[in-house]
Amino acid sequence: MSKTPQSFANHTQLTPYYHFFTSPITVIFLIWTIVRFVKAPGTETAYFLVGALALVGVVAVARLSPLRVQDRLIRLEEQQRFRRLLSPELVARAEAALRPRHYIALRFASDEELGALVERVVSNPSITPKEIKSSIRNWRADHFRV
């Protein structure tokens, strides 16, 4: 974990192996196979193109599936925190109005400011996660997100 306090400005995280190696190499391979297929259409280049598309799919799913599971866990953790900190009436309104993206953004809010932020999001469900996170004054770090 980083010793630098987490904030809106530095909370995003890059996974070097994925963001700087696997994804770029996969995209380069896809572009290369498209160029080869356009220059020399045929069975062999078509097989390479299908393989490259499958590889892009595998790399994307390998990254997005764990993120989806984390999103579900964050939603569950935040629902439990809501029940502990907020009134039952506000919890019911939040569960009816909030989307997973709202829970994911609200996890950074301190316990003290959570109620006001939930009220704000419930009254305006179109608010974006970026708007939620930028309005947090007392940042609650999450160093476990991959």
Protein backbone atom coordinates (compact mmCIF):
# COMPACT_ATOMS: atom_id res chain seq x y z
CA MET A 1 0.00 0.00 0.00
CA SER A 2 1.09 3.50 -0.74
CA LYS A 3 2.12 5.82 2.08
CA THR A 4 0.62 8.78 0.22
CA PRO A 5 -2.88 9.58 1.52
CA GLN A 6 -5.50 8.68 -1.05
CA SER A 7 -7.64 11.47 -2.51
CA PHE A 8 -9.80 12.26 -5.53
CA ALA A 9 -6.68 13.39 -7.39
CA ASN A 10 -4.76 10.13 -6.90
CA HIS A 11 -7.32 7.37 -6.25
CA THR A 12 -7.21 5.77 -9.70
CA GLN A 13 -4.96 2.79 -10.02
CA LEU A 14 -3.12 1.24 -12.93
CA THR A 15 -2.06 -2.37 -13.05
CA PRO A 16 1.25 -2.19 -14.92
CA TYR A 17 1.19 -5.71 -16.35
CA TYR A 18 -2.32 -5.21 -17.72
CA HIS A 19 -2.27 -1.52 -18.70
CA PHE A 20 1.29 -1.27 -20.03
CA PHE A 21 1.98 -4.76 -21.39
CA THR A 22 -0.95 -7.11 -21.99
CA SER A 23 -3.48 -4.62 -23.38
CA PRO A 24 -1.09 -2.71 -25.66
CA ILE A 25 0.45 -5.90 -27.05
CA THR A 26 -3.03 -7.33 -27.68
CA VAL A 27 -4.16 -4.18 -29.48
CA ILE A 28 -0.95 -4.06 -31.53
CA PHE A 29 -1.46 -7.72 -32.49
CA LEU A 30 -5.07 -7.01 -33.50
CA ILE A 31 -4.05 -4.02 -35.64
CA TRP A 32 -1.23 -6.03 -37.21
CA THR A 33 -3.57 -8.89 -38.12
CA ILE A 34 -6.15 -6.48 -39.58
CA VAL A 35 -3.45 -4.89 -41.75
CA ARG A 36 -2.23 -8.34 -42.84
CA PHE A 37 -5.78 -9.43 -43.66
CA VAL A 38 -6.48 -6.27 -45.70
CA LYS A 39 -3.18 -6.56 -47.61
CA ALA A 40 -3.43 -10.30 -48.22
CA PRO A 41 -6.94 -11.62 -47.67
CA GLY A 42 -7.04 -15.36 -47.32
CA THR A 43 -7.73 -18.26 -45.05
CA GLU A 44 -4.52 -17.98 -43.06
CA THR A 45 -4.87 -14.24 -42.38
CA ALA A 46 -8.56 -14.73 -41.57
CA TYR A 47 -7.62 -17.34 -38.95
CA PHE A 48 -5.11 -14.90 -37.45
CA LEU A 49 -7.77 -12.18 -37.39
CA VAL A 50 -10.28 -14.44 -35.62
CA GLY A 51 -7.56 -15.45 -33.16
CA ALA A 52 -6.64 -11.83 -32.50
CA LEU A 53 -10.29 -10.92 -31.89
CA ALA A 54 -10.62 -13.86 -29.51
CA LEU A 55 -7.46 -12.77 -27.69
CA VAL A 56 -8.82 -9.24 -27.26
CA GLY A 57 -12.01 -10.76 -25.85
CA VAL A 58 -10.12 -12.97 -23.41
CA VAL A 59 -7.94 -10.09 -22.19
CA ALA A 60 -11.00 -7.85 -21.73
CA VAL A 61 -12.99 -10.50 -19.87
CA ALA A 62 -9.98 -11.38 -17.72
CA ARG A 63 -9.88 -7.76 -16.54
CA LEU A 64 -13.59 -6.94 -16.40
CA SER A 65 -14.83 -10.05 -14.59
CA PRO A 66 -12.87 -9.42 -11.37
CA LEU A 67 -13.85 -5.75 -11.49
CA ARG A 68 -17.51 -6.75 -11.71
CA VAL A 69 -17.12 -9.00 -8.65
CA GLN A 70 -15.41 -6.18 -6.78
CA ASP A 71 -18.25 -3.83 -7.70
CA ARG A 72 -20.74 -6.31 -6.24
CA LEU A 73 -18.72 -6.64 -3.03
CA ILE A 74 -18.39 -2.87 -2.71
CA ARG A 75 -22.16 -2.51 -3.13
CA LEU A 76 -22.74 -5.11 -0.40
CA GLU A 77 -20.22 -3.49 1.96
CA GLU A 78 -21.75 -0.08 1.41
CA GLN A 79 -25.30 -1.37 1.95
CA GLN A 80 -24.15 -2.78 5.29
CA ARG A 81 -22.47 0.52 6.17
CA PHE A 82 -25.65 2.40 5.22
CA ARG A 83 -27.69 0.20 7.59
CA ARG A 84 -25.21 0.89 10.38
CA LEU A 85 -24.97 4.66 9.89
CA LEU A 86 -28.17 5.91 8.23
CA SER A 87 -31.83 6.01 9.18
CA PRO A 88 -33.94 3.07 7.98
CA GLU A 89 -36.02 5.47 5.87
CA LEU A 90 -32.92 6.82 4.07
CA VAL A 91 -31.54 3.30 3.62
CA ALA A 92 -34.81 2.23 1.94
CA ARG A 93 -34.78 5.28 -0.34
CA ALA A 94 -31.11 4.68 -1.19
CA GLU A 95 -31.65 1.02 -2.06
CA ALA A 96 -34.47 2.05 -4.40
CA ALA A 97 -32.57 4.88 -6.10
CA LEU A 98 -28.85 4.10 -6.09
CA ARG A 99 -27.06 2.26 -8.87
CA PRO A 100 -23.84 0.26 -8.41
CA ARG A 101 -21.79 3.19 -9.72
CA HIS A 102 -23.18 5.36 -6.89
CA TYR A 103 -22.19 2.83 -4.22
CA ILE A 104 -18.73 2.55 -5.75
CA ALA A 105 -18.24 6.31 -5.57
CA LEU A 106 -19.80 6.68 -2.10
CA ARG A 107 -17.36 4.18 -0.57
CA PHE A 108 -14.80 6.99 -0.41
CA ALA A 109 -17.03 9.19 1.78
CA SER A 110 -16.29 9.38 5.47
CA ASP A 111 -18.95 8.19 7.90
CA GLU A 112 -19.64 11.79 8.92
CA GLU A 113 -20.51 13.01 5.44
CA LEU A 114 -22.13 9.83 4.11
CA GLY A 115 -25.70 10.77 5.07
CA ALA A 116 -25.63 14.12 3.29
CA LEU A 117 -24.09 12.61 0.17
CA VAL A 118 -26.61 9.77 0.07
CA GLU A 119 -29.43 12.33 0.39
CA ARG A 120 -27.91 14.28 -2.49
CA VAL A 121 -27.63 11.21 -4.72
CA VAL A 122 -31.12 9.95 -3.83
CA SER A 123 -32.60 13.34 -4.74
CA ASN A 124 -30.59 13.47 -7.98
CA PRO A 125 -29.89 9.94 -9.31
CA SER A 126 -28.34 11.33 -12.48
CA ILE A 127 -25.33 12.58 -10.51
CA THR A 128 -22.12 11.03 -11.81
CA PRO A 129 -19.54 9.13 -9.76
CA LYS A 130 -16.99 11.82 -10.58
CA GLU A 131 -19.30 14.49 -9.13
CA ILE A 132 -19.83 12.39 -5.99
CA LYS A 133 -16.13 11.77 -5.48
CA SER A 134 -15.13 15.37 -6.14
CA SER A 135 -17.58 16.59 -3.48
CA ILE A 136 -16.12 14.37 -0.74
CA ARG A 137 -14.21 16.47 1.78
CA ASN A 138 -12.92 13.75 4.12
CA TRP A 139 -11.64 10.96 1.87
CA ARG A 140 -11.92 7.36 3.04
CA ALA A 141 -9.19 5.42 1.22
CA ASP A 142 -9.72 2.13 -0.59
CA HIS A 143 -6.37 0.48 -1.26
CA PHE A 144 -7.79 -2.98 -2.01
CA ARG A 145 -9.32 -2.28 -5.43
CA VAL A 146 -7.47 -4.02 -8.25
